[in-house]
Every structure is written in structure tokens, then in C-alpha cells.
Amino acid sequence: MTGPTPSYTVEIEDVTAPAVFARLPDALAALWEALRVLPLGWTQYEAYRYFLGPGAVDRVTESLERDGELRLSFAMGGRSHLVSVGVLRD
């Protein structure tokens, strides 16, 4: 018998509404697509590209297993915005 099949939520505070995906790679790809067009500045862009680029599924899976969610932030327009990835279980 296997456990519940997880689904994954992603959101960028004040930028995107929460979205739910059946597969973590799809969730991370959508998150990166939304982030990469924002005016983040070079340093923030490169940090998110590293985190959500090749190997992202392993890095994020480790975070989700350890903490139950992944929460990062970035500055844009003079304020901080939360980026979150979470797990929903059936």
C-alpha cells in the first residue's frame, strides 16, 4: 500500500495567486517562469535561477521533507514578496 499522492502549491505574494500542480517539476517550472520576468535585479535573478534551475527538484524536495514547505523572499518595488512552495496530501 502506498501513501497519499501529494500535490504541490506555489505562490508569489502579491504577484500570483496560489496554483496547485500534480507534479513538483511542473510546479517549479511555473514558478520560475513567473519569477524570471519580474524586475528582480541581477543578484536576485541569479539566486532564483540557481535555486529553481537544474537540480531544483532535489533541492526543493529536501526542503519540503525537512520543513514541510519552502519559503523564500525577494525585494521588488520597495518591499519584500514571499515565494512559497508547499505540499498538499490527499
PDB file of N, CA and C in Angstrom:
ATOM      1  N   MET A   1       0.849  -1.179   0.000  1.00  0.00           N
ATOM      2  CA  MET A   1       0.000   0.000   0.000  1.00  0.00           C
ATOM      3  C   MET A   1       0.894   1.241   0.000  1.00  0.00           C
ATOM      4  N   THR A   2       0.536   2.222  -0.765  1.00  0.00           N
ATOM      5  CA  THR A   2       1.301   3.458  -0.829  1.00  0.00           C
ATOM      6  C   THR A   2       0.567   4.555  -0.083  1.00  0.00           C
ATOM      7  N   GLY A   3       1.297   5.623   0.238  1.00  0.00           N
ATOM      8  CA  GLY A   3       0.710   6.757   0.940  1.00  0.00           C
ATOM      9  C   GLY A   3      -0.067   7.643  -0.009  1.00  0.00           C
ATOM     10  N   PRO A   4      -0.571   8.727   0.541  1.00  0.00           N
ATOM     11  CA  PRO A   4      -1.336   9.655  -0.292  1.00  0.00           C
ATOM     12  C   PRO A   4      -0.458  10.279  -1.374  1.00  0.00           C
ATOM     13  N   THR A   5      -1.062  10.552  -2.505  1.00  0.00           N
ATOM     14  CA  THR A   5      -0.353  11.203  -3.595  1.00  0.00           C
ATOM     15  C   THR A   5      -0.319  12.709  -3.317  1.00  0.00           C
ATOM     16  N   PRO A   6       0.876  13.276  -3.239  1.00  0.00           N
ATOM     17  CA  PRO A   6       0.926  14.706  -2.941  1.00  0.00           C
ATOM     18  C   PRO A   6       0.637  15.552  -4.173  1.00  0.00           C
ATOM     19  N   SER A   7       0.209  16.748  -3.940  1.00  0.00           N
ATOM     20  CA  SER A   7       0.190  17.780  -4.975  1.00  0.00           C
ATOM     21  C   SER A   7       0.937  18.967  -4.371  1.00  0.00           C
ATOM     22  N   TYR A   8       1.280  19.918  -5.207  1.00  0.00           N
ATOM     23  CA  TYR A   8       2.184  20.982  -4.791  1.00  0.00           C
ATOM     24  C   TYR A   8       1.563  22.344  -5.072  1.00  0.00           C
ATOM     25  N   THR A   9       1.728  23.256  -4.136  1.00  0.00           N
ATOM     26  CA  THR A   9       1.236  24.615  -4.300  1.00  0.00           C
ATOM     27  C   THR A   9       2.423  25.565  -4.451  1.00  0.00           C
ATOM     28  N   VAL A  10       2.248  26.555  -5.289  1.00  0.00           N
ATOM     29  CA  VAL A  10       3.249  27.614  -5.430  1.00  0.00           C
ATOM     30  C   VAL A  10       2.522  28.949  -5.446  1.00  0.00           C
ATOM     31  N   GLU A  11       3.199  29.971  -4.921  1.00  0.00           N
ATOM     32  CA  GLU A  11       2.615  31.307  -4.895  1.00  0.00           C
ATOM     33  C   GLU A  11       3.732  32.330  -4.790  1.00  0.00           C
ATOM     34  N   ILE A  12       3.533  33.467  -5.417  1.00  0.00           N
ATOM     35  CA  ILE A  12       4.387  34.629  -5.239  1.00  0.00           C
ATOM     36  C   ILE A  12       3.488  35.714  -4.655  1.00  0.00           C
ATOM     37  N   GLU A  13       3.729  36.060  -3.422  1.00  0.00           N
ATOM     38  CA  GLU A  13       2.897  37.021  -2.702  1.00  0.00           C
ATOM     39  C   GLU A  13       2.722  38.324  -3.490  1.00  0.00           C
ATOM     40  N   ASP A  14       1.486  38.726  -3.635  1.00  0.00           N
ATOM     41  CA  ASP A  14       1.099  39.958  -4.335  1.00  0.00           C
ATOM     42  C   ASP A  14       1.469  39.977  -5.816  1.00  0.00           C
ATOM     43  N   VAL A  15       1.846  38.824  -6.369  1.00  0.00           N
ATOM     44  CA  VAL A  15       2.193  38.740  -7.788  1.00  0.00           C
ATOM     45  C   VAL A  15       1.336  37.677  -8.470  1.00  0.00           C
ATOM     46  N   THR A  16       1.293  36.477  -7.908  1.00  0.00           N
ATOM     47  CA  THR A  16       0.486  35.397  -8.474  1.00  0.00           C
ATOM     48  C   THR A  16      -0.415  34.800  -7.396  1.00  0.00           C
ATOM     49  N   ALA A  17      -1.537  34.311  -7.810  1.00  0.00           N
ATOM     50  CA  ALA A  17      -2.414  33.578  -6.897  1.00  0.00           C
ATOM     51  C   ALA A  17      -1.823  32.190  -6.660  1.00  0.00           C
ATOM     52  N   PRO A  18      -2.189  31.548  -5.564  1.00  0.00           N
ATOM     53  CA  PRO A  18      -1.719  30.174  -5.357  1.00  0.00           C
ATOM     54  C   PRO A  18      -2.174  29.282  -6.512  1.00  0.00           C
ATOM     55  N   ALA A  19      -1.284  28.399  -6.935  1.00  0.00           N
ATOM     56  CA  ALA A  19      -1.601  27.440  -8.001  1.00  0.00           C
ATOM     57  C   ALA A  19      -1.222  26.050  -7.499  1.00  0.00           C
ATOM     58  N   VAL A  20      -1.969  25.058  -7.925  1.00  0.00           N
ATOM     59  CA  VAL A  20      -1.750  23.678  -7.487  1.00  0.00           C
ATOM     60  C   VAL A  20      -1.336  22.845  -8.694  1.00  0.00           C
ATOM     61  N   PHE A  21      -0.327  22.004  -8.496  1.00  0.00           N
ATOM     62  CA  PHE A  21       0.211  21.142  -9.546  1.00  0.00           C
ATOM     63  C   PHE A  21       0.309  19.713  -9.025  1.00  0.00           C
ATOM     64  N   ALA A  22       0.090  18.758  -9.900  1.00  0.00           N
ATOM     65  CA  ALA A  22       0.191  17.353  -9.532  1.00  0.00           C
ATOM     66  C   ALA A  22       1.649  16.907  -9.412  1.00  0.00           C
ATOM     67  N   ARG A  23       2.542  17.588 -10.137  1.00  0.00           N
ATOM     68  CA  ARG A  23       3.965  17.186 -10.132  1.00  0.00           C
ATOM     69  C   ARG A  23       4.844  18.358  -9.721  1.00  0.00           C
ATOM     70  N   LEU A  24       5.821  18.068  -8.867  1.00  0.00           N
ATOM     71  CA  LEU A  24       6.729  19.105  -8.406  1.00  0.00           C
ATOM     72  C   LEU A  24       7.512  19.745  -9.550  1.00  0.00           C
ATOM     73  N   PRO A  25       8.034  18.992 -10.530  1.00  0.00           N
ATOM     74  CA  PRO A  25       8.746  19.659 -11.632  1.00  0.00           C
ATOM     75  C   PRO A  25       7.879  20.689 -12.357  1.00  0.00           C
ATOM     76  N   ASP A  26       6.607  20.391 -12.544  1.00  0.00           N
ATOM     77  CA  ASP A  26       5.701  21.337 -13.203  1.00  0.00           C
ATOM     78  C   ASP A  26       5.481  22.577 -12.335  1.00  0.00           C
ATOM     79  N   ALA A  27       5.341  22.375 -11.036  1.00  0.00           N
ATOM     80  CA  ALA A  27       5.150  23.500 -10.114  1.00  0.00           C
ATOM     81  C   ALA A  27       6.361  24.423 -10.131  1.00  0.00           C
ATOM     82  N   LEU A  28       7.555  23.841 -10.091  1.00  0.00           N
ATOM     83  CA  LEU A  28       8.771  24.649 -10.070  1.00  0.00           C
ATOM     84  C   LEU A  28       9.006  25.357 -11.396  1.00  0.00           C
ATOM     85  N   ALA A  29       8.674  24.693 -12.496  1.00  0.00           N
ATOM     86  CA  ALA A  29       8.814  25.329 -13.809  1.00  0.00           C
ATOM     87  C   ALA A  29       7.884  26.538 -13.912  1.00  0.00           C
ATOM     88  N   ALA A  30       6.654  26.405 -13.444  1.00  0.00           N
ATOM     89  CA  ALA A  30       5.708  27.519 -13.481  1.00  0.00           C
ATOM     90  C   ALA A  30       6.182  28.658 -12.573  1.00  0.00           C
ATOM     91  N   LEU A  31       6.701  28.309 -11.429  1.00  0.00           N
ATOM     92  CA  LEU A  31       7.206  29.321 -10.508  1.00  0.00           C
ATOM     93  C   LEU A  31       8.368  30.077 -11.132  1.00  0.00           C
ATOM     94  N   TRP A  32       9.302  29.361 -11.741  1.00  0.00           N
ATOM     95  CA  TRP A  32      10.441  30.014 -12.381  1.00  0.00           C
ATOM     96  C   TRP A  32       9.990  30.893 -13.552  1.00  0.00           C
ATOM     97  N   GLU A  33       9.035  30.425 -14.332  1.00  0.00           N
ATOM     98  CA  GLU A  33       8.527  31.229 -15.450  1.00  0.00           C
ATOM     99  C   GLU A  33       7.927  32.545 -14.948  1.00  0.00           C
ATOM    100  N   ALA A  34       7.228  32.500 -13.824  1.00  0.00           N
ATOM    101  CA  ALA A  34       6.646  33.723 -13.270  1.00  0.00           C
ATOM    102  C   ALA A  34       7.721  34.639 -12.689  1.00  0.00           C
ATOM    103  N   LEU A  35       8.712  34.065 -12.014  1.00  0.00           N
ATOM    104  CA  LEU A  35       9.763  34.874 -11.394  1.00  0.00           C
ATOM    105  C   LEU A  35      10.706  35.505 -12.411  1.00  0.00           C
ATOM    106  N   ARG A  36      11.026  34.776 -13.451  1.00  0.00           N
ATOM    107  CA  ARG A  36      12.079  35.238 -14.357  1.00  0.00           C
ATOM    108  C   ARG A  36      11.714  36.484 -15.156  1.00  0.00           C
ATOM    109  N   VAL A  37      10.443  36.826 -15.231  1.00  0.00           N
ATOM    110  CA  VAL A  37      10.043  38.025 -15.963  1.00  0.00           C
ATOM    111  C   VAL A  37       9.885  39.250 -15.053  1.00  0.00           C
ATOM    112  N   LEU A  38      10.063  39.051 -13.755  1.00  0.00           N
ATOM    113  CA  LEU A  38       9.939  40.164 -12.819  1.00  0.00           C
ATOM    114  C   LEU A  38      11.224  40.994 -12.795  1.00  0.00           C
ATOM    115  N   PRO A  39      11.118  42.267 -12.459  1.00  0.00           N
ATOM    116  CA  PRO A  39      12.317  43.118 -12.378  1.00  0.00           C
ATOM    117  C   PRO A  39      13.065  42.886 -11.061  1.00  0.00           C
ATOM    118  N   LEU A  40      13.738  41.740 -10.971  1.00  0.00           N
ATOM    119  CA  LEU A  40      14.387  41.345  -9.725  1.00  0.00           C
ATOM    120  C   LEU A  40      15.765  41.952  -9.522  1.00  0.00           C
ATOM    121  N   GLY A  41      16.416  42.353 -10.572  1.00  0.00           N
ATOM    122  CA  GLY A  41      17.817  42.735 -10.460  1.00  0.00           C
ATOM    123  C   GLY A  41      18.680  41.499 -10.645  1.00  0.00           C
ATOM    124  N   TRP A  42      19.921  41.726 -11.033  1.00  0.00           N
ATOM    125  CA  TRP A  42      20.791  40.620 -11.419  1.00  0.00           C
ATOM    126  C   TRP A  42      21.023  39.623 -10.293  1.00  0.00           C
ATOM    127  N   THR A  43      21.354  40.089  -9.095  1.00  0.00           N
ATOM    128  CA  THR A  43      21.691  39.186  -7.989  1.00  0.00           C
ATOM    129  C   THR A  43      20.510  38.304  -7.610  1.00  0.00           C
ATOM    130  N   GLN A  44      19.336  38.901  -7.454  1.00  0.00           N
ATOM    131  CA  GLN A  44      18.153  38.111  -7.102  1.00  0.00           C
ATOM    132  C   GLN A  44      17.795  37.143  -8.228  1.00  0.00           C
ATOM    133  N   TYR A  45      17.864  37.618  -9.461  1.00  0.00           N
ATOM    134  CA  TYR A  45      17.559  36.754 -10.609  1.00  0.00           C
ATOM    135  C   TYR A  45      18.476  35.535 -10.611  1.00  0.00           C
ATOM    136  N   GLU A  46      19.774  35.756 -10.461  1.00  0.00           N
ATOM    137  CA  GLU A  46      20.734  34.653 -10.476  1.00  0.00           C
ATOM    138  C   GLU A  46      20.521  33.706  -9.307  1.00  0.00           C
ATOM    139  N   ALA A  47      20.164  34.219  -8.143  1.00  0.00           N
ATOM    140  CA  ALA A  47      19.907  33.360  -6.984  1.00  0.00           C
ATOM    141  C   ALA A  47      18.704  32.454  -7.245  1.00  0.00           C
ATOM    142  N   TYR A  48      17.630  33.021  -7.783  1.00  0.00           N
ATOM    143  CA  TYR A  48      16.464  32.203  -8.089  1.00  0.00           C
ATOM    144  C   TYR A  48      16.732  31.251  -9.246  1.00  0.00           C
ATOM    145  N   ARG A  49      17.512  31.687 -10.216  1.00  0.00           N
ATOM    146  CA  ARG A  49      17.864  30.787 -11.322  1.00  0.00           C
ATOM    147  C   ARG A  49      18.652  29.589 -10.790  1.00  0.00           C
ATOM    148  N   TYR A  50      19.576  29.842  -9.877  1.00  0.00           N
ATOM    149  CA  TYR A  50      20.322  28.732  -9.273  1.00  0.00           C
ATOM    150  C   TYR A  50      19.361  27.821  -8.523  1.00  0.00           C
ATOM    151  N   PHE A  51      18.502  28.413  -7.711  1.00  0.00           N
ATOM    152  CA  PHE A  51      17.641  27.601  -6.858  1.00  0.00           C
ATOM    153  C   PHE A  51      16.594  26.843  -7.648  1.00  0.00           C
ATOM    154  N   LEU A  52      16.060  27.430  -8.713  1.00  0.00           N
ATOM    155  CA  LEU A  52      14.969  26.806  -9.469  1.00  0.00           C
ATOM    156  C   LEU A  52      15.413  26.229 -10.809  1.00  0.00           C
ATOM    157  N   GLY A  53      16.695  26.306 -11.119  1.00  0.00           N
ATOM    158  CA  GLY A  53      17.223  25.758 -12.366  1.00  0.00           C
ATOM    159  C   GLY A  53      17.529  24.279 -12.235  1.00  0.00           C
ATOM    160  N   PRO A  54      18.521  23.793 -12.974  1.00  0.00           N
ATOM    161  CA  PRO A  54      18.879  22.377 -12.912  1.00  0.00           C
ATOM    162  C   PRO A  54      19.118  21.909 -11.475  1.00  0.00           C
ATOM    163  N   GLY A  55      18.530  20.784 -11.138  1.00  0.00           N
ATOM    164  CA  GLY A  55      18.656  20.237  -9.785  1.00  0.00           C
ATOM    165  C   GLY A  55      17.630  20.773  -8.806  1.00  0.00           C
ATOM    166  N   ALA A  56      16.719  21.617  -9.283  1.00  0.00           N
ATOM    167  CA  ALA A  56      15.738  22.249  -8.396  1.00  0.00           C
ATOM    168  C   ALA A  56      14.857  21.233  -7.683  1.00  0.00           C
ATOM    169  N   VAL A  57      14.445  20.201  -8.380  1.00  0.00           N
ATOM    170  CA  VAL A  57      13.540  19.223  -7.760  1.00  0.00           C
ATOM    171  C   VAL A  57      14.198  18.598  -6.541  1.00  0.00           C
ATOM    172  N   ASP A  58      15.471  18.244  -6.647  1.00  0.00           N
ATOM    173  CA  ASP A  58      16.171  17.657  -5.500  1.00  0.00           C
ATOM    174  C   ASP A  58      16.291  18.661  -4.350  1.00  0.00           C
ATOM    175  N   ARG A  59      16.684  19.901  -4.666  1.00  0.00           N
ATOM    176  CA  ARG A  59      16.831  20.918  -3.619  1.00  0.00           C
ATOM    177  C   ARG A  59      15.504  21.201  -2.928  1.00  0.00           C
ATOM    178  N   VAL A  60      14.447  21.349  -3.710  1.00  0.00           N
ATOM    179  CA  VAL A  60      13.152  21.678  -3.127  1.00  0.00           C
ATOM    180  C   VAL A  60      12.572  20.473  -2.379  1.00  0.00           C
ATOM    181  N   THR A  61      12.734  19.283  -2.918  1.00  0.00           N
ATOM    182  CA  THR A  61      12.253  18.079  -2.227  1.00  0.00           C
ATOM    183  C   THR A  61      12.892  17.963  -0.854  1.00  0.00           C
ATOM    184  N   GLU A  62      14.180  18.211  -0.779  1.00  0.00           N
ATOM    185  CA  GLU A  62      14.886  18.159   0.503  1.00  0.00           C
ATOM    186  C   GLU A  62      14.282  19.164   1.491  1.00  0.00           C
ATOM    187  N   SER A  63      14.010  20.362   1.028  1.00  0.00           N
ATOM    188  CA  SER A  63      13.390  21.391   1.874  1.00  0.00           C
ATOM    189  C   SER A  63      11.994  20.976   2.323  1.00  0.00           C
ATOM    190  N   LEU A  64      11.210  20.456   1.403  1.00  0.00           N
ATOM    191  CA  LEU A  64       9.851  20.040   1.728  1.00  0.00           C
ATOM    192  C   LEU A  64       9.843  18.902   2.734  1.00  0.00           C
ATOM    193  N   GLU A  65      10.758  17.946   2.567  1.00  0.00           N
ATOM    194  CA  GLU A  65      10.833  16.831   3.509  1.00  0.00           C
ATOM    195  C   GLU A  65      11.278  17.303   4.886  1.00  0.00           C
ATOM    196  N   ARG A  66      12.207  18.246   4.926  1.00  0.00           N
ATOM    197  CA  ARG A  66      12.752  18.726   6.195  1.00  0.00           C
ATOM    198  C   ARG A  66      11.786  19.684   6.901  1.00  0.00           C
ATOM    199  N   ASP A  67      11.234  20.651   6.145  1.00  0.00           N
ATOM    200  CA  ASP A  67      10.468  21.736   6.754  1.00  0.00           C
ATOM    201  C   ASP A  67       8.972  21.718   6.445  1.00  0.00           C
ATOM    202  N   GLY A  68       8.551  20.893   5.493  1.00  0.00           N
ATOM    203  CA  GLY A  68       7.144  20.836   5.115  1.00  0.00           C
ATOM    204  C   GLY A  68       6.730  21.901   4.114  1.00  0.00           C
ATOM    205  N   GLU A  69       7.593  22.875   3.885  1.00  0.00           N
ATOM    206  CA  GLU A  69       7.336  23.929   2.916  1.00  0.00           C
ATOM    207  C   GLU A  69       8.661  24.607   2.595  1.00  0.00           C
ATOM    208  N   LEU A  70       8.645  25.392   1.550  1.00  0.00           N
ATOM    209  CA  LEU A  70       9.799  26.210   1.190  1.00  0.00           C
ATOM    210  C   LEU A  70       9.313  27.641   1.104  1.00  0.00           C
ATOM    211  N   ARG A  71       9.975  28.531   1.822  1.00  0.00           N
ATOM    212  CA  ARG A  71       9.602  29.944   1.823  1.00  0.00           C
ATOM    213  C   ARG A  71      10.858  30.763   1.561  1.00  0.00           C
ATOM    214  N   LEU A  72      10.816  31.530   0.492  1.00  0.00           N
ATOM    215  CA  LEU A  72      11.907  32.421   0.116  1.00  0.00           C
ATOM    216  C   LEU A  72      11.310  33.802  -0.091  1.00  0.00           C
ATOM    217  N   SER A  73      12.149  34.809  -0.169  1.00  0.00           N
ATOM    218  CA  SER A  73      11.616  36.141  -0.436  1.00  0.00           C
ATOM    219  C   SER A  73      12.536  36.894  -1.379  1.00  0.00           C
ATOM    220  N   PHE A  74      12.006  37.949  -1.955  1.00  0.00           N
ATOM    221  CA  PHE A  74      12.788  38.837  -2.798  1.00  0.00           C
ATOM    222  C   PHE A  74      12.234  40.247  -2.646  1.00  0.00           C
ATOM    223  N   ALA A  75      13.062  41.217  -2.956  1.00  0.00           N
ATOM    224  CA  ALA A  75      12.640  42.614  -2.892  1.00  0.00           C
ATOM    225  C   ALA A  75      12.288  43.097  -4.291  1.00  0.00           C
ATOM    226  N   MET A  76      11.177  43.792  -4.385  1.00  0.00           N
ATOM    227  CA  MET A  76      10.750  44.374  -5.653  1.00  0.00           C
ATOM    228  C   MET A  76       9.815  45.531  -5.322  1.00  0.00           C
ATOM    229  N   GLY A  77      10.019  46.634  -5.980  1.00  0.00           N
ATOM    230  CA  GLY A  77       9.144  47.775  -5.760  1.00  0.00           C
ATOM    231  C   GLY A  77       9.191  48.305  -4.337  1.00  0.00           C
ATOM    232  N   GLY A  78      10.337  48.186  -3.695  1.00  0.00           N
ATOM    233  CA  GLY A  78      10.481  48.725  -2.354  1.00  0.00           C
ATOM    234  C   GLY A  78       9.904  47.886  -1.236  1.00  0.00           C
ATOM    235  N   ARG A  79       9.514  46.660  -1.539  1.00  0.00           N
ATOM    236  CA  ARG A  79       9.004  45.784  -0.472  1.00  0.00           C
ATOM    237  C   ARG A  79       9.372  44.334  -0.734  1.00  0.00           C
ATOM    238  N   SER A  80       9.233  43.548   0.296  1.00  0.00           N
ATOM    239  CA  SER A  80       9.558  42.127   0.222  1.00  0.00           C
ATOM    240  C   SER A  80       8.324  41.333  -0.214  1.00  0.00           C
ATOM    241  N   HIS A  81       8.562  40.311  -1.036  1.00  0.00           N
ATOM    242  CA  HIS A  81       7.499  39.419  -1.500  1.00  0.00           C
ATOM    243  C   HIS A  81       7.896  37.991  -1.155  1.00  0.00           C
ATOM    244  N   LEU A  82       6.979  37.230  -0.603  1.00  0.00           N
ATOM    245  CA  LEU A  82       7.218  35.851  -0.224  1.00  0.00           C
ATOM    246  C   LEU A  82       6.959  34.923  -1.407  1.00  0.00           C
ATOM    247  N   VAL A  83       7.879  33.998  -1.623  1.00  0.00           N
ATOM    248  CA  VAL A  83       7.715  32.931  -2.617  1.00  0.00           C
ATOM    249  C   VAL A  83       7.560  31.647  -1.817  1.00  0.00           C
ATOM    250  N   SER A  84       6.484  30.913  -2.057  1.00  0.00           N
ATOM    251  CA  SER A  84       6.274  29.702  -1.264  1.00  0.00           C
ATOM    252  C   SER A  84       5.950  28.501  -2.143  1.00  0.00           C
ATOM    253  N   VAL A  85       6.444  27.360  -1.678  1.00  0.00           N
ATOM    254  CA  VAL A  85       6.151  26.050  -2.283  1.00  0.00           C
ATOM    255  C   VAL A  85       5.702  25.170  -1.127  1.00  0.00           C
ATOM    256  N   GLY A  86       4.571  24.516  -1.297  1.00  0.00           N
ATOM    257  CA  GLY A  86       4.048  23.647  -0.248  1.00  0.00           C
ATOM    258  C   GLY A  86       3.561  22.332  -0.814  1.00  0.00           C
ATOM    259  N   VAL A  87       3.262  21.421   0.089  1.00  0.00           N
ATOM    260  CA  VAL A  87       2.787  20.091  -0.286  1.00  0.00           C
ATOM    261  C   VAL A  87       1.380  19.913   0.252  1.00  0.00           C
ATOM    262  N   LEU A  88       0.482  19.428  -0.600  1.00  0.00           N
ATOM    263  CA  LEU A  88      -0.866  19.032  -0.181  1.00  0.00           C
ATOM    264  C   LEU A  88      -0.939  17.524  -0.294  1.00  0.00           C
ATOM    265  N   ARG A  89      -1.485  16.873   0.689  1.00  0.00           N
ATOM    266  CA  ARG A  89      -1.636  15.416   0.647  1.00  0.00           C
ATOM    267  C   ARG A  89      -3.117  15.086   0.608  1.00  0.00           C
ATOM    268  N   ASP A  90      -3.481  14.090  -0.214  1.00  0.00           N
ATOM    269  CA  ASP A  90      -4.891  13.665  -0.315  1.00  0.00           C
ATOM    270  C   ASP A  90      -5.398  13.164   1.007  1.00  0.00           C
TER     271      ASP A  90
END
